[in-house]
Structure formats: C-alpha cells, structure tokens
Amino acid sequence: MKKYFNNYKEIKFWLSILLFLGGQSFLYAIVKNFQYSYHTFDFYLDNKIPFIPNGFIIVYNLFYPVLFFVYYYIFGKDKKAYDKAIIASFIGYLISNVIFLVYPVEMIRPSISNLNLDPLSDLVLQLTYKYDYPAINCFPSIHCLFCIQTIYTIIRSKNINVKNKVLISILLLMIIISVFFVKQHYLFDLVGSLIIFIICNIFVELIYDKIKKNN
C-alpha cells in the first residue's frame, strides 16, 4: 500500500510538472504568432551593465534543468509548498503571456563577433542567440519570475534545511544575475517579475486553503 501511494505521488509530480512546462511552451508558441511590433526599454542603468557572456551564458541555460530538479526536491520535502509554487508560477505565466501579447518587448543585443570567450561559452552563446531569435517577450522575465518564486518557496519551507536553502538560493540568484550579463533582459523585466510574483502569491495564499478544503 505504501509503495502504491509513493508511486501515485511520483505520477502526480510528473503530470503536474509536465503540464506546467508543456503548457508554458505551448502558450508561448501561440502568443508569438500574434505579435507584430516590438518595444524596447532604454534605461540608463541597463547601459551600465557590462556584457559578460563568459561563463554566465552557461549559468543562464541551466535555468530549466535547475528548475526541474529543485521543484522535484521541493515536491519530496514539502508537498504543500510545491503545490503553492506550481499554482503561483502557472498564474504568473498566464499574466506574463497577456503582457507579451499586449506589449511585446525586444532586447537589443550586442554584437557577438570577435569575442574572447572560452570554447564552451562561445558555443552556448552562439546557440542561444540563434534559437532565441529575435530576443522578444522580455518583459517580464520568466527566468526571474520562476527563480524568485522558487527562492521564496525554498526559504519559507520548514522541511528544508538551512544549508540547502542557501545553496539553492545562491544558484538561482546567479541565474537571475546572468540574464543581465548575457543581455537577455532589461532591469525593468526584473521589476515586472517581482510585481507579478507578489500578486500571484498573495492570491494563492488567499485561495489555497479554500481549494484544499473543497477537495
């Protein structure tokens, strides 16, 4: 019976995470078909952030693998925290896609020719700029939104030890920092993510207990 219950929990995780990530990709692809003109942010501080792809482009691309494994870790340690994180993230992604549709923002990237990069960083940078072209739907930053949500979830959980909280939070903060150093996002993209994160988590805190009670 215990084995059956554990298998059921595993299946529930896989279904929820695949629905979340798959739904995200599907919605993103649909939204892109309805975008025709792009906007840019020209903020003073953005011009002061240096372009440092060496190493940081690899950190940037760790986003989805790290997110998957951290969510799996949270699921095993604190089911309630996982549920809240997934619900808040999904709502946040829906809000983000509405903004992408109404006000699509494009990042104006620097030239990547003649850069003195290590071979791996150079390869990853070339591939990233190629498959993610044009660099649109920057505001808000999905990378920042999900990383902030995950840090918040990790820190609040009472079932996760302090050492792992610190290590995971540092890794996710590095991913947030990387989006600026590889010129994938503006600072306003982070601000937008923070606002959406706050709105979504206030909403989830208000409705979660009611949903569980009804179920």
N, C-alpha and C. Protein backbone atom coordinates (compact mmCIF):
# COMPACT_ATOMS: atom_id res chain seq x y z
N MET A 1 0.83 -1.21 0.00
CA MET A 1 0.00 0.00 0.00
C MET A 1 0.87 1.26 0.00
N LYS A 2 1.94 1.23 0.81
CA LYS A 2 2.84 2.38 0.89
C LYS A 2 3.55 2.58 -0.44
N LYS A 3 3.95 1.46 -1.07
CA LYS A 3 4.60 1.55 -2.38
C LYS A 3 3.66 2.16 -3.41
N TYR A 4 2.40 1.73 -3.39
CA TYR A 4 1.39 2.26 -4.32
C TYR A 4 1.21 3.76 -4.11
N PHE A 5 1.17 4.16 -2.85
CA PHE A 5 0.98 5.58 -2.52
C PHE A 5 2.16 6.41 -3.02
N ASN A 6 3.38 5.87 -2.83
CA ASN A 6 4.57 6.58 -3.28
C ASN A 6 4.60 6.70 -4.80
N ASN A 7 4.19 5.63 -5.50
CA ASN A 7 4.12 5.67 -6.96
C ASN A 7 3.10 6.70 -7.43
N TYR A 8 1.98 6.77 -6.72
CA TYR A 8 0.94 7.73 -7.06
C TYR A 8 1.48 9.16 -6.91
N LYS A 9 2.25 9.40 -5.86
CA LYS A 9 2.83 10.71 -5.63
C LYS A 9 3.81 11.07 -6.74
N GLU A 10 4.60 10.08 -7.18
CA GLU A 10 5.56 10.32 -8.25
C GLU A 10 4.83 10.68 -9.54
N ILE A 11 3.78 9.93 -9.85
CA ILE A 11 3.00 10.19 -11.06
C ILE A 11 2.38 11.58 -11.01
N LYS A 12 1.89 11.95 -9.85
CA LYS A 12 1.28 13.27 -9.67
C LYS A 12 2.30 14.37 -9.94
N PHE A 13 3.54 14.16 -9.48
CA PHE A 13 4.58 15.15 -9.74
C PHE A 13 4.84 15.27 -11.23
N TRP A 14 5.05 14.13 -11.89
CA TRP A 14 5.37 14.15 -13.31
C TRP A 14 4.25 14.78 -14.13
N LEU A 15 3.02 14.47 -13.79
CA LEU A 15 1.89 15.06 -14.52
C LEU A 15 1.83 16.57 -14.32
N SER A 16 2.01 17.01 -13.09
CA SER A 16 1.92 18.44 -12.80
C SER A 16 3.05 19.22 -13.45
N ILE A 17 4.29 18.71 -13.36
CA ILE A 17 5.43 19.45 -13.89
C ILE A 17 5.43 19.43 -15.41
N LEU A 18 5.03 18.30 -16.02
CA LEU A 18 4.98 18.24 -17.48
C LEU A 18 3.85 19.11 -18.03
N LEU A 19 2.71 19.14 -17.32
CA LEU A 19 1.61 20.00 -17.73
C LEU A 19 2.02 21.46 -17.61
N PHE A 20 2.73 21.78 -16.56
CA PHE A 20 3.19 23.14 -16.33
C PHE A 20 4.17 23.59 -17.42
N LEU A 21 5.23 22.79 -17.63
CA LEU A 21 6.25 23.16 -18.61
C LEU A 21 5.74 23.04 -20.04
N GLY A 22 4.94 21.99 -20.30
CA GLY A 22 4.38 21.81 -21.63
C GLY A 22 3.38 22.90 -21.97
N GLY A 23 2.52 23.23 -21.01
CA GLY A 23 1.55 24.30 -21.22
C GLY A 23 2.22 25.63 -21.43
N GLN A 24 3.31 25.84 -20.74
CA GLN A 24 4.08 27.07 -20.88
C GLN A 24 4.62 27.20 -22.31
N SER A 25 5.25 26.13 -22.81
CA SER A 25 5.82 26.16 -24.16
C SER A 25 4.74 26.32 -25.22
N PHE A 26 3.62 25.63 -25.03
CA PHE A 26 2.52 25.71 -26.00
C PHE A 26 1.94 27.12 -26.06
N LEU A 27 1.71 27.72 -24.91
CA LEU A 27 1.14 29.06 -24.86
C LEU A 27 2.11 30.08 -25.44
N TYR A 28 3.39 29.92 -25.15
CA TYR A 28 4.41 30.83 -25.67
C TYR A 28 4.44 30.80 -27.19
N ALA A 29 4.33 29.60 -27.76
CA ALA A 29 4.36 29.45 -29.22
C ALA A 29 3.14 30.11 -29.86
N ILE A 30 1.99 29.99 -29.23
CA ILE A 30 0.77 30.60 -29.75
C ILE A 30 0.86 32.12 -29.73
N VAL A 31 1.32 32.66 -28.60
CA VAL A 31 1.41 34.12 -28.43
C VAL A 31 2.32 34.74 -29.50
N LYS A 32 3.41 34.07 -29.82
CA LYS A 32 4.37 34.62 -30.79
C LYS A 32 3.74 34.80 -32.17
N ASN A 33 2.71 34.03 -32.48
CA ASN A 33 2.05 34.14 -33.78
C ASN A 33 1.18 35.38 -33.90
N PHE A 34 0.92 36.05 -32.78
CA PHE A 34 0.04 37.21 -32.79
C PHE A 34 0.79 38.51 -32.46
N GLN A 35 2.12 38.45 -32.53
CA GLN A 35 2.93 39.63 -32.24
C GLN A 35 3.51 40.20 -33.54
N TYR A 36 3.34 41.50 -33.72
CA TYR A 36 3.78 42.12 -34.98
C TYR A 36 4.74 43.29 -34.78
N SER A 37 4.68 43.96 -33.68
CA SER A 37 5.59 45.08 -33.43
C SER A 37 6.15 44.96 -32.02
N TYR A 38 7.41 45.34 -31.86
CA TYR A 38 8.09 45.17 -30.59
C TYR A 38 8.53 46.52 -30.01
N HIS A 39 8.63 46.54 -28.70
CA HIS A 39 9.07 47.74 -28.00
C HIS A 39 10.41 47.46 -27.32
N THR A 40 11.10 48.52 -26.95
CA THR A 40 12.36 48.37 -26.23
C THR A 40 12.36 49.30 -25.02
N PHE A 41 13.16 48.94 -24.04
CA PHE A 41 13.37 49.79 -22.87
C PHE A 41 14.76 50.44 -22.98
N ASP A 42 14.81 51.73 -22.82
CA ASP A 42 16.08 52.43 -22.87
C ASP A 42 16.30 53.09 -21.51
N PHE A 43 16.87 52.31 -20.59
CA PHE A 43 17.05 52.77 -19.22
C PHE A 43 18.53 52.99 -18.96
N TYR A 44 18.85 54.06 -18.28
CA TYR A 44 20.24 54.45 -18.04
C TYR A 44 21.07 53.32 -17.43
N LEU A 45 20.54 52.67 -16.41
CA LEU A 45 21.31 51.64 -15.70
C LEU A 45 21.58 50.41 -16.56
N ASP A 46 20.69 50.11 -17.50
CA ASP A 46 20.92 48.97 -18.39
C ASP A 46 22.19 49.15 -19.20
N ASN A 47 22.45 50.38 -19.58
CA ASN A 47 23.66 50.66 -20.37
C ASN A 47 24.94 50.55 -19.54
N LYS A 48 24.78 50.56 -18.22
CA LYS A 48 25.94 50.45 -17.33
C LYS A 48 26.28 49.00 -17.00
N ILE A 49 25.38 48.09 -17.31
CA ILE A 49 25.63 46.67 -17.04
C ILE A 49 26.51 46.10 -18.16
N PRO A 50 27.66 45.55 -17.83
CA PRO A 50 28.56 45.04 -18.87
C PRO A 50 28.05 43.75 -19.49
N PHE A 51 28.50 43.49 -20.69
CA PHE A 51 28.19 42.25 -21.39
C PHE A 51 29.27 41.24 -21.03
N ILE A 52 28.93 40.24 -20.20
CA ILE A 52 29.89 39.24 -19.74
C ILE A 52 29.34 37.83 -20.02
N PRO A 53 29.39 37.39 -21.27
CA PRO A 53 28.85 36.06 -21.58
C PRO A 53 29.71 34.91 -21.10
N ASN A 54 31.00 35.17 -20.88
CA ASN A 54 31.91 34.09 -20.47
C ASN A 54 31.44 33.46 -19.16
N GLY A 55 31.00 32.21 -19.21
CA GLY A 55 30.52 31.52 -18.02
C GLY A 55 29.07 31.80 -17.72
N PHE A 56 28.67 33.06 -17.79
CA PHE A 56 27.30 33.42 -17.43
C PHE A 56 26.27 32.88 -18.43
N ILE A 57 26.67 32.70 -19.68
CA ILE A 57 25.73 32.15 -20.66
C ILE A 57 25.41 30.69 -20.32
N ILE A 58 26.36 29.99 -19.72
CA ILE A 58 26.13 28.61 -19.29
C ILE A 58 25.19 28.59 -18.09
N VAL A 59 25.42 29.51 -17.14
CA VAL A 59 24.54 29.63 -15.98
C VAL A 59 23.12 29.95 -16.43
N TYR A 60 23.00 30.85 -17.41
CA TYR A 60 21.68 31.23 -17.94
C TYR A 60 20.93 30.01 -18.48
N ASN A 61 21.63 29.15 -19.18
CA ASN A 61 20.99 27.98 -19.79
C ASN A 61 20.77 26.82 -18.83
N LEU A 62 21.24 26.96 -17.60
CA LEU A 62 20.94 25.95 -16.58
C LEU A 62 19.54 26.11 -16.01
N PHE A 63 18.85 27.16 -16.42
CA PHE A 63 17.56 27.53 -15.84
C PHE A 63 16.58 26.36 -15.77
N TYR A 64 16.24 25.76 -16.88
CA TYR A 64 15.23 24.70 -16.88
C TYR A 64 15.67 23.43 -16.16
N PRO A 65 16.90 22.94 -16.38
CA PRO A 65 17.33 21.77 -15.59
C PRO A 65 17.32 22.03 -14.09
N VAL A 66 17.81 23.19 -13.67
CA VAL A 66 17.83 23.53 -12.25
C VAL A 66 16.42 23.64 -11.71
N LEU A 67 15.56 24.31 -12.46
CA LEU A 67 14.17 24.48 -12.03
C LEU A 67 13.49 23.13 -11.84
N PHE A 68 13.71 22.22 -12.78
CA PHE A 68 13.09 20.89 -12.70
C PHE A 68 13.55 20.15 -11.46
N PHE A 69 14.86 20.08 -11.24
CA PHE A 69 15.38 19.31 -10.11
C PHE A 69 15.04 19.95 -8.77
N VAL A 70 15.03 21.28 -8.72
CA VAL A 70 14.67 21.95 -7.46
C VAL A 70 13.19 21.73 -7.15
N TYR A 71 12.34 21.78 -8.17
CA TYR A 71 10.91 21.52 -7.95
C TYR A 71 10.69 20.08 -7.49
N TYR A 72 11.48 19.17 -8.06
CA TYR A 72 11.37 17.77 -7.65
C TYR A 72 11.80 17.63 -6.19
N TYR A 73 12.83 18.34 -5.81
CA TYR A 73 13.32 18.32 -4.43
C TYR A 73 12.27 18.90 -3.48
N ILE A 74 11.67 20.01 -3.88
CA ILE A 74 10.62 20.63 -3.05
C ILE A 74 9.44 19.68 -2.91
N PHE A 75 9.07 19.03 -4.01
CA PHE A 75 7.94 18.10 -4.00
C PHE A 75 8.17 16.98 -2.98
N GLY A 76 9.39 16.48 -2.91
CA GLY A 76 9.70 15.41 -1.97
C GLY A 76 9.76 15.86 -0.52
N LYS A 77 10.09 17.12 -0.32
CA LYS A 77 10.27 17.64 1.04
C LYS A 77 9.02 18.30 1.60
N ASP A 78 8.28 19.00 0.75
CA ASP A 78 7.17 19.82 1.25
C ASP A 78 6.09 19.93 0.17
N LYS A 79 5.14 19.01 0.20
CA LYS A 79 4.11 18.94 -0.83
C LYS A 79 3.27 20.22 -0.90
N LYS A 80 2.93 20.76 0.24
CA LYS A 80 2.12 21.97 0.26
C LYS A 80 2.87 23.14 -0.39
N ALA A 81 4.15 23.26 -0.09
CA ALA A 81 4.97 24.32 -0.67
C ALA A 81 5.07 24.15 -2.18
N TYR A 82 5.19 22.88 -2.62
CA TYR A 82 5.26 22.60 -4.06
C TYR A 82 3.96 23.01 -4.76
N ASP A 83 2.84 22.62 -4.19
CA ASP A 83 1.54 22.96 -4.78
C ASP A 83 1.38 24.47 -4.94
N LYS A 84 1.71 25.20 -3.90
CA LYS A 84 1.58 26.66 -3.95
C LYS A 84 2.51 27.26 -5.00
N ALA A 85 3.73 26.72 -5.08
CA ALA A 85 4.70 27.24 -6.05
C ALA A 85 4.24 27.01 -7.48
N ILE A 86 3.72 25.82 -7.76
CA ILE A 86 3.25 25.50 -9.11
C ILE A 86 2.05 26.37 -9.49
N ILE A 87 1.11 26.51 -8.57
CA ILE A 87 -0.08 27.33 -8.85
C ILE A 87 0.32 28.78 -9.10
N ALA A 88 1.17 29.34 -8.23
CA ALA A 88 1.60 30.73 -8.37
C ALA A 88 2.39 30.92 -9.67
N SER A 89 3.26 29.95 -9.99
CA SER A 89 4.07 30.05 -11.21
C SER A 89 3.19 30.00 -12.45
N PHE A 90 2.19 29.12 -12.43
CA PHE A 90 1.32 28.99 -13.59
C PHE A 90 0.49 30.27 -13.80
N ILE A 91 -0.05 30.81 -12.72
CA ILE A 91 -0.81 32.06 -12.82
C ILE A 91 0.10 33.18 -13.30
N GLY A 92 1.32 33.21 -12.76
CA GLY A 92 2.28 34.22 -13.19
C GLY A 92 2.61 34.12 -14.66
N TYR A 93 2.69 32.89 -15.16
CA TYR A 93 2.99 32.71 -16.57
C TYR A 93 1.82 33.15 -17.44
N LEU A 94 0.60 32.91 -16.99
CA LEU A 94 -0.57 33.37 -17.74
C LEU A 94 -0.59 34.90 -17.83
N ILE A 95 -0.32 35.56 -16.70
CA ILE A 95 -0.28 37.02 -16.68
C ILE A 95 0.82 37.53 -17.61
N SER A 96 1.98 36.87 -17.56
CA SER A 96 3.11 37.26 -18.39
C SER A 96 2.77 37.18 -19.87
N ASN A 97 2.05 36.14 -20.27
CA ASN A 97 1.70 35.97 -21.67
C ASN A 97 0.70 37.01 -22.15
N VAL A 98 -0.16 37.44 -21.26
CA VAL A 98 -1.06 38.55 -21.62
C VAL A 98 -0.25 39.80 -21.91
N ILE A 99 0.76 40.06 -21.06
CA ILE A 99 1.63 41.21 -21.28
C ILE A 99 2.44 41.04 -22.57
N PHE A 100 2.94 39.83 -22.81
CA PHE A 100 3.68 39.56 -24.05
C PHE A 100 2.82 39.90 -25.27
N LEU A 101 1.55 39.58 -25.18
CA LEU A 101 0.64 39.80 -26.30
C LEU A 101 0.32 41.28 -26.49
N VAL A 102 0.11 41.97 -25.39
CA VAL A 102 -0.30 43.38 -25.44
C VAL A 102 0.91 44.30 -25.66
N TYR A 103 2.01 44.00 -25.01
CA TYR A 103 3.18 44.89 -25.07
C TYR A 103 4.46 44.06 -25.18
N PRO A 104 4.73 43.48 -26.35
CA PRO A 104 5.93 42.66 -26.51
C PRO A 104 7.20 43.51 -26.50
N VAL A 105 8.16 43.11 -25.70
CA VAL A 105 9.42 43.86 -25.56
C VAL A 105 10.56 43.06 -26.17
N GLU A 106 11.40 43.74 -26.93
CA GLU A 106 12.55 43.10 -27.57
C GLU A 106 13.84 43.62 -26.96
N MET A 107 14.77 42.72 -26.71
CA MET A 107 16.10 43.09 -26.24
C MET A 107 17.01 43.36 -27.44
N ILE A 108 17.64 44.51 -27.46
CA ILE A 108 18.62 44.82 -28.50
C ILE A 108 19.97 44.26 -28.04
N ARG A 109 20.39 43.22 -28.71
CA ARG A 109 21.60 42.51 -28.28
C ARG A 109 22.87 43.13 -28.85
N PRO A 110 23.97 42.96 -28.13
CA PRO A 110 25.27 43.42 -28.65
C PRO A 110 25.80 42.46 -29.71
N SER A 111 26.79 42.90 -30.43
CA SER A 111 27.43 42.03 -31.41
C SER A 111 28.22 40.95 -30.68
N ILE A 112 28.18 39.73 -31.22
CA ILE A 112 28.91 38.63 -30.58
C ILE A 112 30.09 38.16 -31.43
N SER A 113 30.49 38.97 -32.39
CA SER A 113 31.65 38.63 -33.21
C SER A 113 32.92 39.13 -32.53
N ASN A 114 33.98 38.41 -32.73
CA ASN A 114 35.30 38.79 -32.20
C ASN A 114 35.34 38.88 -30.67
N LEU A 115 34.62 37.99 -30.01
CA LEU A 115 34.65 37.95 -28.55
C LEU A 115 35.71 36.96 -28.09
N ASN A 116 36.39 37.30 -27.02
CA ASN A 116 37.42 36.41 -26.48
C ASN A 116 36.80 35.53 -25.40
N LEU A 117 36.11 34.46 -25.84
CA LEU A 117 35.40 33.57 -24.93
C LEU A 117 36.06 32.19 -24.90
N ASP A 118 35.82 31.47 -23.80
CA ASP A 118 36.26 30.07 -23.79
C ASP A 118 35.38 29.30 -24.78
N PRO A 119 35.85 28.19 -25.31
CA PRO A 119 35.13 27.46 -26.37
C PRO A 119 33.70 27.09 -26.00
N LEU A 120 33.49 26.62 -24.77
CA LEU A 120 32.15 26.20 -24.36
C LEU A 120 31.20 27.38 -24.28
N SER A 121 31.64 28.48 -23.67
CA SER A 121 30.79 29.67 -23.58
C SER A 121 30.46 30.22 -24.96
N ASP A 122 31.45 30.19 -25.85
CA ASP A 122 31.24 30.68 -27.22
C ASP A 122 30.19 29.84 -27.94
N LEU A 123 30.28 28.52 -27.81
CA LEU A 123 29.32 27.62 -28.45
C LEU A 123 27.91 27.83 -27.90
N VAL A 124 27.79 27.89 -26.58
CA VAL A 124 26.48 28.06 -25.94
C VAL A 124 25.88 29.41 -26.29
N LEU A 125 26.72 30.44 -26.35
CA LEU A 125 26.24 31.78 -26.71
C LEU A 125 25.71 31.81 -28.14
N GLN A 126 26.46 31.21 -29.05
CA GLN A 126 26.04 31.16 -30.46
C GLN A 126 24.70 30.44 -30.59
N LEU A 127 24.57 29.31 -29.91
CA LEU A 127 23.34 28.53 -29.99
C LEU A 127 22.16 29.28 -29.35
N THR A 128 22.42 29.92 -28.22
CA THR A 128 21.36 30.65 -27.51
C THR A 128 20.84 31.79 -28.35
N TYR A 129 21.73 32.57 -28.91
CA TYR A 129 21.31 33.71 -29.73
C TYR A 129 20.63 33.26 -31.02
N LYS A 130 20.99 32.06 -31.49
CA LYS A 130 20.39 31.56 -32.73
C LYS A 130 18.98 31.03 -32.51
N TYR A 131 18.79 30.16 -31.48
CA TYR A 131 17.47 29.57 -31.28
C TYR A 131 16.51 30.54 -30.62
N ASP A 132 17.02 31.53 -29.91
CA ASP A 132 16.16 32.51 -29.26
C ASP A 132 16.24 33.84 -30.01
N TYR A 133 15.85 33.79 -31.29
CA TYR A 133 15.90 34.98 -32.13
C TYR A 133 14.55 35.20 -32.80
N PRO A 134 14.04 36.43 -32.80
CA PRO A 134 14.57 37.60 -32.10
C PRO A 134 14.36 37.47 -30.58
N ALA A 135 15.09 38.27 -29.83
CA ALA A 135 15.01 38.21 -28.36
C ALA A 135 13.80 39.03 -27.89
N ILE A 136 12.63 38.38 -27.99
CA ILE A 136 11.39 39.09 -27.65
C ILE A 136 10.75 38.49 -26.39
N ASN A 137 9.66 39.12 -25.98
CA ASN A 137 8.93 38.70 -24.77
C ASN A 137 9.83 38.75 -23.54
N CYS A 138 10.52 39.87 -23.42
CA CYS A 138 11.47 40.05 -22.31
C CYS A 138 10.78 40.53 -21.04
N PHE A 139 9.71 41.31 -21.20
CA PHE A 139 9.04 41.90 -20.04
C PHE A 139 7.70 41.24 -19.79
N PRO A 140 7.53 40.60 -18.63
CA PRO A 140 8.51 40.38 -17.56
C PRO A 140 9.43 39.21 -17.89
N SER A 141 10.47 39.05 -17.11
CA SER A 141 11.40 37.95 -17.31
C SER A 141 10.87 36.67 -16.66
N ILE A 142 10.66 35.64 -17.48
CA ILE A 142 10.21 34.35 -16.96
C ILE A 142 11.32 33.71 -16.11
N HIS A 143 12.57 33.87 -16.54
CA HIS A 143 13.69 33.37 -15.74
C HIS A 143 13.63 33.96 -14.33
N CYS A 144 13.49 35.27 -14.26
CA CYS A 144 13.47 35.94 -12.95
C CYS A 144 12.24 35.56 -12.15
N LEU A 145 11.10 35.50 -12.82
CA LEU A 145 9.84 35.19 -12.13
C LEU A 145 9.90 33.83 -11.46
N PHE A 146 10.32 32.81 -12.19
CA PHE A 146 10.35 31.46 -11.63
C PHE A 146 11.46 31.29 -10.60
N CYS A 147 12.59 31.98 -10.81
CA CYS A 147 13.68 31.89 -9.82
C CYS A 147 13.29 32.55 -8.51
N ILE A 148 12.65 33.71 -8.59
CA ILE A 148 12.19 34.40 -7.39
C ILE A 148 11.16 33.55 -6.66
N GLN A 149 10.24 32.97 -7.42
CA GLN A 149 9.22 32.11 -6.83
C GLN A 149 9.85 30.91 -6.11
N THR A 150 10.84 30.32 -6.73
CA THR A 150 11.48 29.14 -6.15
C THR A 150 12.28 29.50 -4.91
N ILE A 151 12.99 30.61 -4.95
CA ILE A 151 13.74 31.07 -3.77
C ILE A 151 12.77 31.31 -2.61
N TYR A 152 11.67 31.97 -2.91
CA TYR A 152 10.65 32.26 -1.89
C TYR A 152 10.10 30.96 -1.29
N THR A 153 9.82 30.00 -2.14
CA THR A 153 9.29 28.71 -1.70
C THR A 153 10.29 27.96 -0.82
N ILE A 154 11.53 27.94 -1.27
CA ILE A 154 12.59 27.25 -0.52
C ILE A 154 12.79 27.88 0.85
N ILE A 155 12.88 29.20 0.89
CA ILE A 155 13.14 29.90 2.15
C ILE A 155 11.98 29.71 3.14
N ARG A 156 10.76 29.72 2.66
CA ARG A 156 9.60 29.60 3.54
C ARG A 156 9.37 28.19 4.08
N SER A 157 9.84 27.20 3.35
CA SER A 157 9.58 25.82 3.76
C SER A 157 10.31 25.47 5.06
N LYS A 158 9.59 24.85 5.98
CA LYS A 158 10.18 24.42 7.25
C LYS A 158 10.79 23.02 7.15
N ASN A 159 10.59 22.37 6.01
CA ASN A 159 11.08 21.00 5.84
C ASN A 159 12.41 20.92 5.11
N ILE A 160 12.97 22.07 4.75
CA ILE A 160 14.24 22.10 4.02
C ILE A 160 15.30 22.71 4.91
N ASN A 161 16.45 22.04 5.01
CA ASN A 161 17.48 22.52 5.93
C ASN A 161 18.15 23.80 5.41
N VAL A 162 18.76 24.51 6.32
CA VAL A 162 19.32 25.84 6.02
C VAL A 162 20.43 25.76 4.96
N LYS A 163 21.27 24.74 5.05
CA LYS A 163 22.36 24.59 4.09
C LYS A 163 21.84 24.51 2.66
N ASN A 164 20.83 23.69 2.43
CA ASN A 164 20.26 23.54 1.09
C ASN A 164 19.52 24.79 0.65
N LYS A 165 18.89 25.46 1.60
CA LYS A 165 18.23 26.74 1.27
C LYS A 165 19.25 27.74 0.72
N VAL A 166 20.39 27.82 1.39
CA VAL A 166 21.42 28.78 0.99
C VAL A 166 22.01 28.40 -0.37
N LEU A 167 22.36 27.13 -0.56
CA LEU A 167 22.97 26.67 -1.81
C LEU A 167 22.03 26.86 -3.00
N ILE A 168 20.78 26.46 -2.83
CA ILE A 168 19.81 26.59 -3.93
C ILE A 168 19.53 28.06 -4.23
N SER A 169 19.40 28.87 -3.19
CA SER A 169 19.12 30.30 -3.39
C SER A 169 20.27 30.99 -4.12
N ILE A 170 21.51 30.65 -3.78
CA ILE A 170 22.67 31.24 -4.46
C ILE A 170 22.67 30.87 -5.93
N LEU A 171 22.39 29.60 -6.23
CA LEU A 171 22.36 29.15 -7.62
C LEU A 171 21.28 29.89 -8.42
N LEU A 172 20.10 30.04 -7.82
CA LEU A 172 19.01 30.73 -8.51
C LEU A 172 19.30 32.22 -8.65
N LEU A 173 19.95 32.81 -7.67
CA LEU A 173 20.35 34.22 -7.78
C LEU A 173 21.38 34.41 -8.89
N MET A 174 22.26 33.44 -9.06
CA MET A 174 23.23 33.50 -10.16
C MET A 174 22.53 33.46 -11.52
N ILE A 175 21.47 32.68 -11.62
CA ILE A 175 20.71 32.63 -12.87
C ILE A 175 20.05 33.99 -13.13
N ILE A 176 19.49 34.60 -12.07
CA ILE A 176 18.88 35.93 -12.23
C ILE A 176 19.91 36.94 -12.69
N ILE A 177 21.10 36.93 -12.08
CA ILE A 177 22.16 37.85 -12.47
C ILE A 177 22.59 37.61 -13.91
N SER A 178 22.63 36.35 -14.31
CA SER A 178 23.11 36.00 -15.66
C SER A 178 22.25 36.60 -16.76
N VAL A 179 20.96 36.78 -16.52
CA VAL A 179 20.08 37.29 -17.59
C VAL A 179 20.47 38.70 -18.00
N PHE A 180 21.12 39.43 -17.11
CA PHE A 180 21.56 40.79 -17.43
C PHE A 180 22.95 40.80 -18.07
N PHE A 181 23.84 39.94 -17.58
CA PHE A 181 25.19 39.91 -18.11
C PHE A 181 25.26 39.31 -19.52
N VAL A 182 24.27 38.49 -19.90
CA VAL A 182 24.26 37.94 -21.27
C VAL A 182 23.31 38.71 -22.17
N LYS A 183 22.78 39.82 -21.63
CA LYS A 183 21.92 40.74 -22.39
C LYS A 183 20.66 40.05 -22.95
N GLN A 184 20.00 39.31 -22.08
CA GLN A 184 18.71 38.71 -22.44
C GLN A 184 17.55 39.51 -21.85
N HIS A 185 17.84 40.36 -20.86
CA HIS A 185 16.77 41.11 -20.21
C HIS A 185 17.22 42.49 -19.75
N TYR A 186 16.21 43.37 -19.61
CA TYR A 186 16.41 44.69 -19.04
C TYR A 186 16.11 44.64 -17.53
N LEU A 187 16.53 45.66 -16.81
CA LEU A 187 16.24 45.74 -15.37
C LEU A 187 14.74 45.83 -15.11
N PHE A 188 14.02 46.51 -16.00
CA PHE A 188 12.56 46.61 -15.84
C PHE A 188 11.88 45.24 -15.94
N ASP A 189 12.52 44.31 -16.63
CA ASP A 189 11.97 42.95 -16.73
C ASP A 189 11.96 42.29 -15.36
N LEU A 190 13.00 42.56 -14.57
CA LEU A 190 13.07 42.04 -13.20
C LEU A 190 12.00 42.70 -12.33
N VAL A 191 11.83 43.99 -12.49
CA VAL A 191 10.80 44.72 -11.72
C VAL A 191 9.42 44.15 -12.02
N GLY A 192 9.14 43.92 -13.31
CA GLY A 192 7.86 43.33 -13.69
C GLY A 192 7.65 41.97 -13.09
N SER A 193 8.70 41.16 -13.06
CA SER A 193 8.62 39.82 -12.47
C SER A 193 8.32 39.89 -10.98
N LEU A 194 8.95 40.82 -10.29
CA LEU A 194 8.72 40.98 -8.86
C LEU A 194 7.27 41.35 -8.56
N ILE A 195 6.74 42.26 -9.35
CA ILE A 195 5.34 42.69 -9.14
C ILE A 195 4.38 41.53 -9.37
N ILE A 196 4.58 40.79 -10.45
CA ILE A 196 3.72 39.64 -10.75
C ILE A 196 3.86 38.57 -9.68
N PHE A 197 5.08 38.32 -9.23
CA PHE A 197 5.33 37.35 -8.16
C PHE A 197 4.53 37.70 -6.90
N ILE A 198 4.56 38.95 -6.51
CA ILE A 198 3.85 39.39 -5.30
C ILE A 198 2.35 39.20 -5.47
N ILE A 199 1.81 39.61 -6.60
CA ILE A 199 0.37 39.49 -6.87
C ILE A 199 -0.06 38.03 -6.83
N CYS A 200 0.70 37.16 -7.49
CA CYS A 200 0.33 35.75 -7.58
C CYS A 200 0.37 35.06 -6.22
N ASN A 201 1.37 35.38 -5.41
CA ASN A 201 1.48 34.70 -4.13
C ASN A 201 0.46 35.20 -3.11
N ILE A 202 0.09 36.46 -3.19
CA ILE A 202 -1.00 36.95 -2.35
C ILE A 202 -2.28 36.22 -2.71
N PHE A 203 -2.52 36.07 -4.00
CA PHE A 203 -3.72 35.39 -4.48
C PHE A 203 -3.74 33.92 -4.05
N VAL A 204 -2.60 33.24 -4.20
CA VAL A 204 -2.52 31.82 -3.84
C VAL A 204 -2.73 31.63 -2.34
N GLU A 205 -2.17 32.49 -1.53
CA GLU A 205 -2.35 32.39 -0.08
C GLU A 205 -3.82 32.55 0.30
N LEU A 206 -4.54 33.36 -0.47
CA LEU A 206 -5.96 33.59 -0.18
C LEU A 206 -6.84 32.41 -0.58
N ILE A 207 -6.47 31.71 -1.67
CA ILE A 207 -7.36 30.68 -2.21
C ILE A 207 -6.93 29.25 -1.89
N TYR A 208 -5.66 29.03 -1.53
CA TYR A 208 -5.14 27.65 -1.42
C TYR A 208 -5.92 26.83 -0.39
N ASP A 209 -6.08 27.35 0.81
CA ASP A 209 -6.78 26.59 1.86
C ASP A 209 -8.23 26.30 1.48
N LYS A 210 -8.87 27.22 0.76
CA LYS A 210 -10.24 27.01 0.32
C LYS A 210 -10.31 25.88 -0.70
N ILE A 211 -9.31 25.84 -1.62
CA ILE A 211 -9.27 24.78 -2.62
C ILE A 211 -9.06 23.43 -1.97
N LYS A 212 -8.14 23.34 -1.01
CA LYS A 212 -7.86 22.08 -0.33
C LYS A 212 -9.07 21.62 0.48
N LYS A 213 -9.77 22.56 1.07
CA LYS A 213 -10.95 22.22 1.88
C LYS A 213 -12.05 21.65 0.99
N ASN A 214 -12.24 22.24 -0.19
CA ASN A 214 -13.27 21.78 -1.13
C ASN A 214 -12.94 20.41 -1.70
N ASN A 215 -11.63 20.15 -1.86
CA ASN A 215 -11.21 18.85 -2.38
C ASN A 215 -11.33 17.73 -1.36
